[in-house]
C-alpha atoms as a PDB file:
ATOM      1  CA  MET A   1      -0.075   0.156   0.145  1.00  0.00           C
ATOM      2  CA  GLY A   2       1.302   3.285  -1.016  1.00  0.00           C
ATOM      3  CA  PHE A   3       1.039   6.600   0.585  1.00  0.00           C
ATOM      4  CA  GLU A   4      -2.092   7.444  -1.471  1.00  0.00           C
ATOM      5  CA  TYR A   5      -3.994   4.520   0.482  1.00  0.00           C
ATOM      6  CA  PHE A   6      -2.914   6.593   3.842  1.00  0.00           C
ATOM      7  CA  GLU A   7      -3.915   9.488   2.207  1.00  0.00           C
ATOM      8  CA  LYS A   8      -7.356   8.829   1.216  1.00  0.00           C
ATOM      9  CA  ASN A   9      -8.428   6.255   4.264  1.00  0.00           C
ATOM     10  CA  ILE A  10      -6.362   7.964   7.387  1.00  0.00           C
ATOM     11  CA  HIS A  11      -8.112  11.209   8.550  1.00  0.00           C
ATOM     12  CA  PRO A  12      -5.880  14.014   8.302  1.00  0.00           C
ATOM     13  CA  ASP A  13      -5.386  14.428  12.068  1.00  0.00           C
ATOM     14  CA  SER A  14      -4.599  11.214  12.632  1.00  0.00           C
ATOM     15  CA  LEU A  15      -2.056  11.364   9.749  1.00  0.00           C
ATOM     16  CA  LYS A  16      -0.449  14.646  10.984  1.00  0.00           C
ATOM     17  CA  TYR A  17      -0.415  13.224  14.784  1.00  0.00           C
ATOM     18  CA  VAL A  18      -0.447   9.783  14.701  1.00  0.00           C
ATOM     19  CA  ALA A  19       1.739   8.460  11.871  1.00  0.00           C
ATOM     20  CA  PRO A  20       4.980  10.220  13.059  1.00  0.00           C
ATOM     21  CA  ARG A  21       4.511   8.226  16.274  1.00  0.00           C
ATOM     22  CA  PHE A  22       4.333   5.049  14.288  1.00  0.00           C
ATOM     23  CA  LEU A  23       7.450   6.172  12.364  1.00  0.00           C
ATOM     24  CA  GLU A  24       9.296   7.026  15.244  1.00  0.00           C
ATOM     25  CA  PHE A  25       8.264   3.724  17.147  1.00  0.00           C
ATOM     26  CA  TYR A  26       9.354   1.831  13.964  1.00  0.00           C
ATOM     27  CA  GLU A  27      12.749   3.358  14.021  1.00  0.00           C
ATOM     28  CA  LYS A  28      13.679   2.608  17.660  1.00  0.00           C
ATOM     29  CA  ALA A  29      11.487  -0.378  18.724  1.00  0.00           C
ATOM     30  CA  ASP A  30      12.621  -4.210  18.328  1.00  0.00           C
ATOM     31  CA  ASP A  31      10.740  -7.063  16.883  1.00  0.00           C
ATOM     32  CA  ASP A  32       9.079  -7.656  20.239  1.00  0.00           C
ATOM     33  CA  GLN A  33       7.610  -4.496  20.893  1.00  0.00           C
ATOM     34  CA  LEU A  34       4.165  -3.425  20.284  1.00  0.00           C
ATOM     35  CA  HIS A  35       2.919   0.156  19.883  1.00  0.00           C
ATOM     36  CA  ALA A  36      -0.961   1.204  20.200  1.00  0.00           C
ATOM     37  CA  GLU A  37      -3.166   4.160  19.057  1.00  0.00           C
ATOM     38  CA  PHE A  38      -6.472   5.334  18.634  1.00  0.00           C
ATOM     39  CA  GLN A  39      -6.902   6.877  15.231  1.00  0.00           C
ATOM     40  CA  LYS A  40      -9.555   7.789  12.853  1.00  0.00           C
ATOM     41  CA  ILE A  41     -10.033   5.789   9.796  1.00  0.00           C
ATOM     42  CA  ARG A  42     -12.288   5.386   6.998  1.00  0.00           C
ATOM     43  CA  ASN A  43     -14.758   2.726   7.720  1.00  0.00           C
ATOM     44  CA  PRO A  44     -15.005   0.237   4.826  1.00  0.00           C
ATOM     45  CA  ARG A  45     -18.664  -0.256   5.477  1.00  0.00           C
ATOM     46  CA  THR A  46     -19.723   2.882   5.635  1.00  0.00           C
ATOM     47  CA  GLY A  47     -17.258   5.382   4.050  1.00  0.00           C
ATOM     48  CA  GLU A  48     -17.189   7.593   7.407  1.00  0.00           C
ATOM     49  CA  PHE A  49     -14.223   8.150   9.359  1.00  0.00           C
ATOM     50  CA  ASP A  50     -14.543   6.009  12.473  1.00  0.00           C
ATOM     51  CA  THR A  51     -12.553   5.669  15.502  1.00  0.00           C
ATOM     52  CA  PHE A  52     -10.219   2.236  15.565  1.00  0.00           C
ATOM     53  CA  PHE A  53      -7.934   1.244  18.097  1.00  0.00           C
ATOM     54  CA  THR A  54      -4.579   0.207  15.815  1.00  0.00           C
ATOM     55  CA  VAL A  55      -1.715  -1.848  17.358  1.00  0.00           C
ATOM     56  CA  CYS A  56       1.648  -2.328  15.444  1.00  0.00           C
ATOM     57  CA  LYS A  57       4.790  -4.412  15.713  1.00  0.00           C
ATOM     58  CA  PRO A  58       7.728  -3.981  13.642  1.00  0.00           C
ATOM     59  CA  PHE A  59       9.071  -6.803  11.491  1.00  0.00           C
ATOM     60  CA  LYS A  60      12.751  -5.094  10.441  1.00  0.00           C
ATOM     61  CA  GLU A  61      13.952  -8.310   9.006  1.00  0.00           C
ATOM     62  CA  HIS A  62      11.570  -7.595   6.449  1.00  0.00           C
ATOM     63  CA  ASN A  63      11.303  -3.841   6.381  1.00  0.00           C
ATOM     64  CA  LEU A  64       7.681  -4.429   7.523  1.00  0.00           C
ATOM     65  CA  LEU A  65       5.414  -2.460  10.272  1.00  0.00           C
ATOM     66  CA  LEU A  66       2.526  -5.007  10.659  1.00  0.00           C
ATOM     67  CA  THR A  67      -0.564  -3.044  11.643  1.00  0.00           C
ATOM     68  CA  SER A  68      -3.899  -4.283  12.765  1.00  0.00           C
ATOM     69  CA  SER A  69      -6.779  -1.631  13.077  1.00  0.00           C
ATOM     70  CA  ASN A  70      -9.863  -2.493  14.782  1.00  0.00           C
ATOM     71  CA  PRO A  71     -13.192  -0.168  14.966  1.00  0.00           C
ATOM     72  CA  ILE A  72     -14.486   0.248  18.423  1.00  0.00           C
ATOM     73  CA  SER A  73     -17.744   1.443  17.726  1.00  0.00           C
ATOM     74  CA  GLY A  74     -18.965  -1.644  19.730  1.00  0.00           C
ATOM     75  CA  ILE A  75     -16.888  -0.820  23.053  1.00  0.00           C
ATOM     76  CA  ASP A  76     -20.063   0.974  24.365  1.00  0.00           C
ATOM     77  CA  SER A  77     -21.606  -2.115  25.160  1.00  0.00           C
ATOM     78  CA  VAL A  78     -18.587  -3.700  26.637  1.00  0.00           C
ATOM     79  CA  THR A  79     -18.084  -1.055  28.794  1.00  0.00           C
ATOM     80  CA  ARG A  80     -21.554  -1.223  30.142  1.00  0.00           C
ATOM     81  CA  ARG A  81     -21.373  -4.722  30.994  1.00  0.00           C
ATOM     82  CA  ILE A  82     -18.330  -4.194  32.703  1.00  0.00           C
ATOM     83  CA  GLU A  83     -19.557  -1.525  34.831  1.00  0.00           C
ATOM     84  CA  ARG A  84     -22.700  -3.440  35.529  1.00  0.00           C
ATOM     85  CA  ILE A  85     -20.477  -6.218  36.786  1.00  0.00           C
ATOM     86  CA  ALA A  86     -18.392  -3.883  38.528  1.00  0.00           C
ATOM     87  CA  GLY A  87     -21.606  -2.410  40.284  1.00  0.00           C
ATOM     88  CA  GLU A  88     -22.770  -5.709  41.431  1.00  0.00           C
ATOM     89  CA  GLU A  89     -19.634  -6.570  42.987  1.00  0.00           C
ATOM     90  CA  ILE A  90     -19.647  -3.275  45.193  1.00  0.00           C
ATOM     91  CA  TYR A  91     -23.360  -4.053  45.986  1.00  0.00           C
ATOM     92  CA  VAL A  92     -22.850  -7.315  47.126  1.00  0.00           C
ATOM     93  CA  ARG A  93     -19.956  -6.198  49.390  1.00  0.00           C
ATOM     94  CA  LYS A  94     -21.950  -3.520  50.798  1.00  0.00           C
ATOM     95  CA  HIS A  95     -25.245  -5.693  51.328  1.00  0.00           C
ATOM     96  CA  PHE A  96     -23.312  -8.947  52.359  1.00  0.00           C
ATOM     97  CA  ASP A  97     -23.959  -8.389  56.043  1.00  0.00           C
ATOM     98  CA  GLU A  98     -27.765  -8.259  55.483  1.00  0.00           C
ATOM     99  CA  PHE A  99     -27.861 -11.032  53.181  1.00  0.00           C
ATOM    100  CA  GLN A 100     -26.029 -13.410  55.585  1.00  0.00           C
ATOM    101  CA  SER A 101     -28.532 -12.223  58.307  1.00  0.00           C
ATOM    102  CA  LEU A 102     -31.618 -13.948  56.175  1.00  0.00           C
ATOM    103  CA  THR A 103     -32.511 -17.405  57.476  1.00  0.00           C
ATOM    104  CA  ARG A 104     -32.725 -20.221  55.035  1.00  0.00           C
ATOM    105  CA  ARG A 105     -36.301 -19.997  54.960  1.00  0.00           C
ATOM    106  CA  GLU A 106     -35.882 -16.336  54.046  1.00  0.00           C
ATOM    107  CA  ARG A 107     -33.908 -16.932  51.269  1.00  0.00           C
ATOM    108  CA  GLN A 108     -35.970 -19.347  50.062  1.00  0.00           C
ATOM    109  CA  VAL A 109     -39.051 -16.752  50.418  1.00  0.00           C
ATOM    110  CA  LEU A 110     -37.212 -14.046  48.863  1.00  0.00           C
ATOM    111  CA  THR A 111     -36.175 -16.490  45.657  1.00  0.00           C
ATOM    112  CA  ARG A 112     -39.653 -16.962  45.226  1.00  0.00           C
ATOM    113  CA  ILE A 113     -40.425 -13.314  45.333  1.00  0.00           C
ATOM    114  CA  ALA A 114     -37.791 -12.634  42.594  1.00  0.00           C
ATOM    115  CA  GLN A 115     -39.287 -15.091  40.395  1.00  0.00           C
ATOM    116  CA  GLY A 116     -42.183 -13.303  40.696  1.00  0.00           C
ATOM    117  CA  PHE A 117     -44.637 -15.824  42.873  1.00  0.00           C
ATOM    118  CA  SER A 118     -47.497 -14.288  44.742  1.00  0.00           C
ATOM    119  CA  ASN A 119     -47.507 -14.878  48.524  1.00  0.00           C
ATOM    120  CA  LYS A 120     -50.579 -17.569  48.211  1.00  0.00           C
ATOM    121  CA  ASP A 121     -48.132 -19.257  45.810  1.00  0.00           C
ATOM    122  CA  ILE A 122     -45.127 -19.290  47.824  1.00  0.00           C
ATOM    123  CA  SER A 123     -47.051 -20.653  51.091  1.00  0.00           C
ATOM    124  CA  GLY A 124     -48.283 -23.813  48.533  1.00  0.00           C
ATOM    125  CA  GLN A 125     -44.721 -24.396  47.352  1.00  0.00           C
ATOM    126  CA  LEU A 126     -43.018 -24.157  50.824  1.00  0.00           C
ATOM    127  CA  TYR A 127     -45.945 -25.510  53.104  1.00  0.00           C
ATOM    128  CA  ILE A 128     -46.379 -22.686  55.168  1.00  0.00           C
ATOM    129  CA  THR A 129     -49.283 -20.450  56.147  1.00  0.00           C
ATOM    130  CA  LEU A 130     -50.084 -17.088  54.139  1.00  0.00           C
ATOM    131  CA  GLU A 131     -49.500 -15.219  57.344  1.00  0.00           C
ATOM    132  CA  THR A 132     -45.947 -16.850  57.812  1.00  0.00           C
ATOM    133  CA  VAL A 133     -44.974 -16.108  54.118  1.00  0.00           C
ATOM    134  CA  LYS A 134     -45.944 -12.058  54.936  1.00  0.00           C
ATOM    135  CA  SER A 135     -44.435 -12.216  58.052  1.00  0.00           C
ATOM    136  CA  HIS A 136     -40.956 -13.906  56.512  1.00  0.00           C
ATOM    137  CA  ARG A 137     -41.386 -10.673  53.344  1.00  0.00           C
ATOM    138  CA  LYS A 138     -41.753  -8.092  56.585  1.00  0.00           C
ATOM    139  CA  ASN A 139     -38.110  -9.489  57.934  1.00  0.00           C
ATOM    140  CA  ILE A 140     -36.770  -9.613  54.800  1.00  0.00           C
ATOM    141  CA  LYS A 141     -37.335  -6.033  53.854  1.00  0.00           C
ATOM    142  CA  LYS A 142     -36.749  -4.842  57.931  1.00  0.00           C
ATOM    143  CA  LYS A 143     -33.413  -6.956  57.304  1.00  0.00           C
ATOM    144  CA  THR A 144     -32.219  -5.712  54.268  1.00  0.00           C
ATOM    145  CA  GLY A 145     -33.469  -2.246  54.306  1.00  0.00           C
ATOM    146  CA  ILE A 146     -35.330  -2.855  51.089  1.00  0.00           C
ATOM    147  CA  PRO A 147     -38.910  -1.815  50.740  1.00  0.00           C
ATOM    148  CA  THR A 148     -39.699  -2.632  47.106  1.00  0.00           C
ATOM    149  CA  THR A 149     -40.317  -5.999  45.381  1.00  0.00           C
ATOM    150  CA  ALA A 150     -37.914  -4.498  42.663  1.00  0.00           C
ATOM    151  CA  GLY A 151     -35.555  -3.708  44.996  1.00  0.00           C
ATOM    152  CA  LEU A 152     -35.553  -7.027  46.549  1.00  0.00           C
ATOM    153  CA  VAL A 153     -35.683  -8.575  42.945  1.00  0.00           C
ATOM    154  CA  GLN A 154     -32.255  -6.866  42.342  1.00  0.00           C
ATOM    155  CA  PHE A 155     -31.103  -8.223  45.614  1.00  0.00           C
ATOM    156  CA  ALA A 156     -31.546 -11.642  44.826  1.00  0.00           C
ATOM    157  CA  ILE A 157     -29.728 -11.270  41.408  1.00  0.00           C
ATOM    158  CA  ALA A 158     -26.977 -10.148  42.901  1.00  0.00           C
ATOM    159  CA  PHE A 159     -26.647 -12.946  45.470  1.00  0.00           C
ATOM    160  CA  GLU A 160     -27.523 -15.338  42.774  1.00  0.00           C
ATOM    161  CA  LEU A 161     -30.718 -16.601  44.254  1.00  0.00           C
ATOM    162  CA  ILE A 162     -32.200 -16.721  40.744  1.00  0.00           C
END
């Protein structure tokens, strides 16, 4: 690929700022090193300039600089997933004592609440009275400090009860 390719497919700002760093890296690096940059490259699918993450590795024996560029357009979903997992870990640590305070039976009731069962259904499944289910639900809310069913569902998910 000649310079025409780069002129056509690399954004002018990337050519101005990033390309010199790649060349400097090539001149100074040995074949075991890598260099990475974010740069704007024309996306072959859309024809528009998108941000790509580019990694390069020199092969001086062959007078080559091997580069691999990958669009980062899908990184938002990965970032959200990482943030969600990290948030769950923080949530579990913050509420671990409350979870530990629940009895085995309260955990069984909480699991069924999170699965969407009514008090009557839970009563039948666990062979306990409706009043006992209501009492467990009240105790669960008090011990966890969570007043809503939606909050209890989040709690149950975080502690892998469902």
